[in-house]
Amino acid sequence: MPARCTLVVVDGVGIGRRSLAEWFDALIWVQADRAVAWARGLARDGGAEHEAFWREWEAEEQPFLAANRPWERADVVVDGALTLLHDPEAEWLVATPHP
């Protein structure tokens, strides 16, 4: 990465680990319910033949989420399953955070 780079985006659930918090200026958490996440993941990864992988992933992800709770430290929480009608090409929706 060039020294002149002023912005680096790091993607992945694990980036929300408490032990990494000091290395990042901001944390964005995208939240979607399990059914939405599974459907999108399977579609992205190639379909139902990847369900075993997703079961393994979830078995490791659940304890990680319980221990690290990255949404509590997030600077922004994005509704990854947004159902409000809007034009995603022209509109942003902003919601009040839940306590």
N, C-alpha and C. Protein backbone atom coordinates (compact mmCIF):
# COMPACT_ATOMS: atom_id res chain seq x y z
N MET A 1 0.85 -1.16 0.00
CA MET A 1 0.00 0.00 0.00
C MET A 1 0.90 1.23 0.00
N PRO A 2 0.62 2.18 -0.89
CA PRO A 2 1.44 3.39 -0.96
C PRO A 2 1.34 4.22 0.31
N ALA A 3 2.43 4.85 0.68
CA ALA A 3 2.47 5.69 1.88
C ALA A 3 1.48 6.84 1.79
N ARG A 4 1.16 7.30 0.58
CA ARG A 4 0.24 8.44 0.42
C ARG A 4 -1.22 8.04 0.61
N CYS A 5 -1.51 6.76 0.77
CA CYS A 5 -2.88 6.29 0.92
C CYS A 5 -3.46 6.83 2.23
N THR A 6 -4.62 7.49 2.12
CA THR A 6 -5.22 8.10 3.31
C THR A 6 -6.41 7.32 3.84
N LEU A 7 -6.87 6.33 3.08
CA LEU A 7 -8.02 5.54 3.51
C LEU A 7 -7.81 4.08 3.14
N VAL A 8 -7.99 3.23 4.11
CA VAL A 8 -7.93 1.78 3.90
C VAL A 8 -9.20 1.19 4.48
N VAL A 9 -9.92 0.42 3.68
CA VAL A 9 -11.12 -0.25 4.14
C VAL A 9 -10.80 -1.73 4.30
N VAL A 10 -11.05 -2.26 5.49
CA VAL A 10 -10.81 -3.66 5.78
C VAL A 10 -12.16 -4.31 6.01
N ASP A 11 -12.43 -5.39 5.30
CA ASP A 11 -13.74 -6.02 5.32
C ASP A 11 -13.67 -7.37 6.04
N GLY A 12 -14.70 -7.66 6.79
CA GLY A 12 -14.80 -8.96 7.43
C GLY A 12 -15.32 -8.86 8.85
N VAL A 13 -16.06 -9.86 9.26
CA VAL A 13 -16.63 -9.89 10.60
C VAL A 13 -15.54 -9.81 11.67
N GLY A 14 -14.44 -10.51 11.44
CA GLY A 14 -13.36 -10.57 12.43
C GLY A 14 -12.69 -9.25 12.72
N ILE A 15 -12.87 -8.29 11.85
CA ILE A 15 -12.26 -6.99 12.05
C ILE A 15 -12.88 -6.28 13.25
N GLY A 16 -14.06 -6.74 13.67
CA GLY A 16 -14.72 -6.16 14.84
C GLY A 16 -14.23 -6.73 16.16
N ARG A 17 -13.18 -7.50 16.12
CA ARG A 17 -12.58 -8.09 17.33
C ARG A 17 -12.12 -6.99 18.28
N ARG A 18 -12.44 -7.12 19.55
CA ARG A 18 -12.04 -6.12 20.55
C ARG A 18 -10.54 -5.85 20.53
N SER A 19 -9.76 -6.88 20.38
CA SER A 19 -8.30 -6.74 20.44
C SER A 19 -7.73 -5.94 19.27
N LEU A 20 -8.51 -5.72 18.22
CA LEU A 20 -8.04 -4.94 17.08
C LEU A 20 -8.53 -3.50 17.09
N ALA A 21 -9.37 -3.15 18.04
CA ALA A 21 -10.03 -1.85 18.05
C ALA A 21 -9.04 -0.68 17.97
N GLU A 22 -7.90 -0.79 18.60
CA GLU A 22 -6.95 0.33 18.62
C GLU A 22 -6.34 0.60 17.25
N TRP A 23 -6.46 -0.33 16.32
CA TRP A 23 -5.83 -0.18 15.01
C TRP A 23 -6.73 0.48 13.97
N PHE A 24 -7.97 0.76 14.33
CA PHE A 24 -8.92 1.31 13.37
C PHE A 24 -9.53 2.60 13.88
N ASP A 25 -9.76 3.51 12.95
CA ASP A 25 -10.38 4.79 13.30
C ASP A 25 -11.89 4.69 13.39
N ALA A 26 -12.47 3.73 12.68
CA ALA A 26 -13.93 3.61 12.67
C ALA A 26 -14.31 2.16 12.40
N LEU A 27 -15.46 1.79 12.90
CA LEU A 27 -16.00 0.45 12.67
C LEU A 27 -17.42 0.60 12.15
N ILE A 28 -17.69 -0.04 11.04
CA ILE A 28 -19.04 -0.07 10.47
C ILE A 28 -19.55 -1.49 10.58
N TRP A 29 -20.69 -1.66 11.19
CA TRP A 29 -21.29 -2.99 11.37
C TRP A 29 -22.53 -3.09 10.49
N VAL A 30 -22.58 -4.11 9.64
CA VAL A 30 -23.75 -4.36 8.80
C VAL A 30 -24.53 -5.50 9.45
N GLN A 31 -25.76 -5.22 9.84
CA GLN A 31 -26.60 -6.18 10.56
C GLN A 31 -27.72 -6.69 9.66
N ALA A 32 -27.86 -8.00 9.59
CA ALA A 32 -28.99 -8.62 8.90
C ALA A 32 -29.35 -9.88 9.66
N ASP A 33 -30.61 -10.26 9.64
CA ASP A 33 -30.99 -11.46 10.37
C ASP A 33 -30.41 -12.71 9.69
N ARG A 34 -30.42 -13.79 10.40
CA ARG A 34 -29.77 -15.03 9.96
C ARG A 34 -30.29 -15.50 8.60
N ALA A 35 -31.58 -15.48 8.41
CA ALA A 35 -32.15 -15.97 7.15
C ALA A 35 -31.66 -15.15 5.96
N VAL A 36 -31.63 -13.83 6.12
CA VAL A 36 -31.14 -12.96 5.05
C VAL A 36 -29.67 -13.23 4.78
N ALA A 37 -28.87 -13.31 5.84
CA ALA A 37 -27.43 -13.55 5.68
C ALA A 37 -27.16 -14.89 5.00
N TRP A 38 -27.87 -15.93 5.40
CA TRP A 38 -27.70 -17.25 4.78
C TRP A 38 -28.07 -17.21 3.31
N ALA A 39 -29.21 -16.63 2.99
CA ALA A 39 -29.65 -16.59 1.59
C ALA A 39 -28.64 -15.84 0.73
N ARG A 40 -28.16 -14.71 1.21
CA ARG A 40 -27.18 -13.94 0.44
C ARG A 40 -25.86 -14.68 0.33
N GLY A 41 -25.43 -15.27 1.42
CA GLY A 41 -24.16 -16.00 1.41
C GLY A 41 -24.18 -17.18 0.47
N LEU A 42 -25.26 -17.95 0.54
CA LEU A 42 -25.36 -19.11 -0.36
C LEU A 42 -25.44 -18.68 -1.82
N ALA A 43 -26.17 -17.61 -2.08
CA ALA A 43 -26.26 -17.11 -3.46
C ALA A 43 -24.89 -16.64 -3.94
N ARG A 44 -24.16 -15.96 -3.08
CA ARG A 44 -22.83 -15.46 -3.44
C ARG A 44 -21.84 -16.60 -3.64
N ASP A 45 -21.92 -17.61 -2.76
CA ASP A 45 -20.93 -18.69 -2.77
C ASP A 45 -21.25 -19.80 -3.75
N GLY A 46 -22.42 -19.81 -4.34
CA GLY A 46 -22.70 -20.82 -5.35
C GLY A 46 -23.82 -21.78 -5.04
N GLY A 47 -24.61 -21.52 -4.02
CA GLY A 47 -25.79 -22.33 -3.80
C GLY A 47 -25.72 -23.29 -2.63
N ALA A 48 -26.71 -24.17 -2.59
CA ALA A 48 -26.94 -25.06 -1.45
C ALA A 48 -25.78 -26.00 -1.16
N GLU A 49 -24.96 -26.29 -2.15
CA GLU A 49 -23.83 -27.21 -1.89
C GLU A 49 -22.82 -26.63 -0.90
N HIS A 50 -22.98 -25.35 -0.56
CA HIS A 50 -22.07 -24.72 0.40
C HIS A 50 -22.66 -24.62 1.81
N GLU A 51 -23.80 -25.27 2.04
CA GLU A 51 -24.43 -25.20 3.36
C GLU A 51 -23.54 -25.75 4.46
N ALA A 52 -22.76 -26.80 4.19
CA ALA A 52 -21.87 -27.35 5.22
C ALA A 52 -20.85 -26.31 5.66
N PHE A 53 -20.30 -25.59 4.70
CA PHE A 53 -19.35 -24.51 5.03
C PHE A 53 -20.03 -23.47 5.92
N TRP A 54 -21.26 -23.08 5.54
CA TRP A 54 -21.97 -22.07 6.31
C TRP A 54 -22.29 -22.54 7.71
N ARG A 55 -22.57 -23.81 7.89
CA ARG A 55 -22.82 -24.35 9.24
C ARG A 55 -21.54 -24.28 10.08
N GLU A 56 -20.41 -24.62 9.48
CA GLU A 56 -19.12 -24.51 10.19
C GLU A 56 -18.82 -23.06 10.55
N TRP A 57 -19.04 -22.19 9.57
CA TRP A 57 -18.79 -20.77 9.79
C TRP A 57 -19.63 -20.26 10.96
N GLU A 58 -20.91 -20.59 10.96
CA GLU A 58 -21.82 -20.12 12.00
C GLU A 58 -21.42 -20.67 13.37
N ALA A 59 -20.96 -21.91 13.41
CA ALA A 59 -20.54 -22.51 14.68
C ALA A 59 -19.37 -21.75 15.30
N GLU A 60 -18.53 -21.16 14.46
CA GLU A 60 -17.41 -20.35 14.97
C GLU A 60 -17.80 -18.89 15.17
N GLU A 61 -18.69 -18.42 14.32
CA GLU A 61 -19.07 -17.01 14.37
C GLU A 61 -19.90 -16.68 15.62
N GLN A 62 -20.80 -17.55 16.02
CA GLN A 62 -21.68 -17.26 17.16
C GLN A 62 -20.89 -16.98 18.44
N PRO A 63 -19.92 -17.83 18.82
CA PRO A 63 -19.14 -17.50 20.03
C PRO A 63 -18.32 -16.22 19.87
N PHE A 64 -17.80 -15.98 18.66
CA PHE A 64 -17.06 -14.75 18.40
C PHE A 64 -17.95 -13.52 18.63
N LEU A 65 -19.15 -13.56 18.06
CA LEU A 65 -20.07 -12.43 18.21
C LEU A 65 -20.47 -12.23 19.67
N ALA A 66 -20.72 -13.32 20.38
CA ALA A 66 -21.10 -13.23 21.80
C ALA A 66 -19.98 -12.60 22.62
N ALA A 67 -18.74 -12.93 22.31
CA ALA A 67 -17.60 -12.42 23.07
C ALA A 67 -17.21 -11.00 22.69
N ASN A 68 -17.33 -10.65 21.41
CA ASN A 68 -16.82 -9.36 20.94
C ASN A 68 -17.87 -8.28 20.73
N ARG A 69 -19.11 -8.65 20.46
CA ARG A 69 -20.23 -7.73 20.31
C ARG A 69 -19.84 -6.46 19.55
N PRO A 70 -19.33 -6.61 18.32
CA PRO A 70 -18.81 -5.45 17.59
C PRO A 70 -19.84 -4.36 17.32
N TRP A 71 -21.10 -4.69 17.22
CA TRP A 71 -22.14 -3.67 16.98
C TRP A 71 -22.21 -2.65 18.10
N GLU A 72 -21.80 -3.05 19.32
CA GLU A 72 -21.84 -2.12 20.45
C GLU A 72 -20.76 -1.04 20.34
N ARG A 73 -19.67 -1.33 19.64
CA ARG A 73 -18.58 -0.37 19.48
C ARG A 73 -18.58 0.30 18.11
N ALA A 74 -19.52 -0.08 17.27
CA ALA A 74 -19.56 0.44 15.91
C ALA A 74 -19.88 1.93 15.89
N ASP A 75 -19.22 2.63 15.00
CA ASP A 75 -19.51 4.05 14.79
C ASP A 75 -20.77 4.21 13.95
N VAL A 76 -21.02 3.21 13.11
CA VAL A 76 -22.21 3.20 12.26
C VAL A 76 -22.72 1.77 12.20
N VAL A 77 -24.03 1.60 12.36
CA VAL A 77 -24.66 0.29 12.17
C VAL A 77 -25.58 0.42 10.96
N VAL A 78 -25.35 -0.44 9.98
CA VAL A 78 -26.11 -0.41 8.74
C VAL A 78 -27.12 -1.56 8.75
N ASP A 79 -28.35 -1.25 8.41
CA ASP A 79 -29.38 -2.28 8.30
C ASP A 79 -29.18 -3.01 6.97
N GLY A 80 -28.62 -4.20 7.03
CA GLY A 80 -28.33 -4.98 5.84
C GLY A 80 -29.54 -5.67 5.25
N ALA A 81 -30.68 -5.53 5.89
CA ALA A 81 -31.92 -6.14 5.39
C ALA A 81 -33.01 -5.07 5.28
N LEU A 82 -32.62 -3.89 4.89
CA LEU A 82 -33.52 -2.74 4.86
C LEU A 82 -34.76 -3.05 4.04
N THR A 83 -35.90 -2.75 4.62
CA THR A 83 -37.16 -3.00 3.93
C THR A 83 -37.93 -1.71 3.63
N LEU A 84 -37.42 -0.56 4.04
CA LEU A 84 -38.09 0.70 3.75
C LEU A 84 -37.93 1.03 2.28
N LEU A 85 -38.99 1.48 1.66
CA LEU A 85 -38.95 1.83 0.25
C LEU A 85 -38.12 3.09 0.04
N HIS A 86 -37.17 3.00 -0.87
CA HIS A 86 -36.35 4.15 -1.23
C HIS A 86 -35.61 3.82 -2.53
N ASP A 87 -35.04 4.82 -3.13
CA ASP A 87 -34.24 4.64 -4.33
C ASP A 87 -32.78 4.58 -3.90
N PRO A 88 -32.16 3.39 -3.86
CA PRO A 88 -30.79 3.27 -3.37
C PRO A 88 -29.77 4.01 -4.22
N GLU A 89 -30.14 4.37 -5.44
CA GLU A 89 -29.23 5.13 -6.31
C GLU A 89 -29.22 6.62 -5.96
N ALA A 90 -30.28 7.09 -5.31
CA ALA A 90 -30.40 8.53 -5.08
C ALA A 90 -30.66 8.92 -3.64
N GLU A 91 -30.97 7.96 -2.76
CA GLU A 91 -31.38 8.32 -1.39
C GLU A 91 -30.59 7.53 -0.35
N TRP A 92 -30.32 8.20 0.75
CA TRP A 92 -29.76 7.57 1.94
C TRP A 92 -30.85 7.57 3.00
N LEU A 93 -30.94 6.51 3.76
CA LEU A 93 -31.86 6.48 4.89
C LEU A 93 -31.04 6.46 6.17
N VAL A 94 -31.42 7.31 7.11
CA VAL A 94 -30.71 7.39 8.38
C VAL A 94 -31.70 7.08 9.49
N ALA A 95 -31.31 6.19 10.38
CA ALA A 95 -32.19 5.80 11.47
C ALA A 95 -31.53 6.15 12.81
N THR A 96 -32.33 6.30 13.82
CA THR A 96 -31.83 6.51 15.16
C THR A 96 -31.33 5.17 15.70
N PRO A 97 -30.13 5.15 16.27
CA PRO A 97 -29.62 3.88 16.83
C PRO A 97 -30.47 3.37 17.98
N HIS A 98 -30.56 2.06 18.09
CA HIS A 98 -31.23 1.45 19.22
C HIS A 98 -30.28 1.40 20.40
N PRO A 99 -30.77 1.58 21.60
CA PRO A 99 -29.89 1.54 22.79
C PRO A 99 -29.32 0.15 23.02
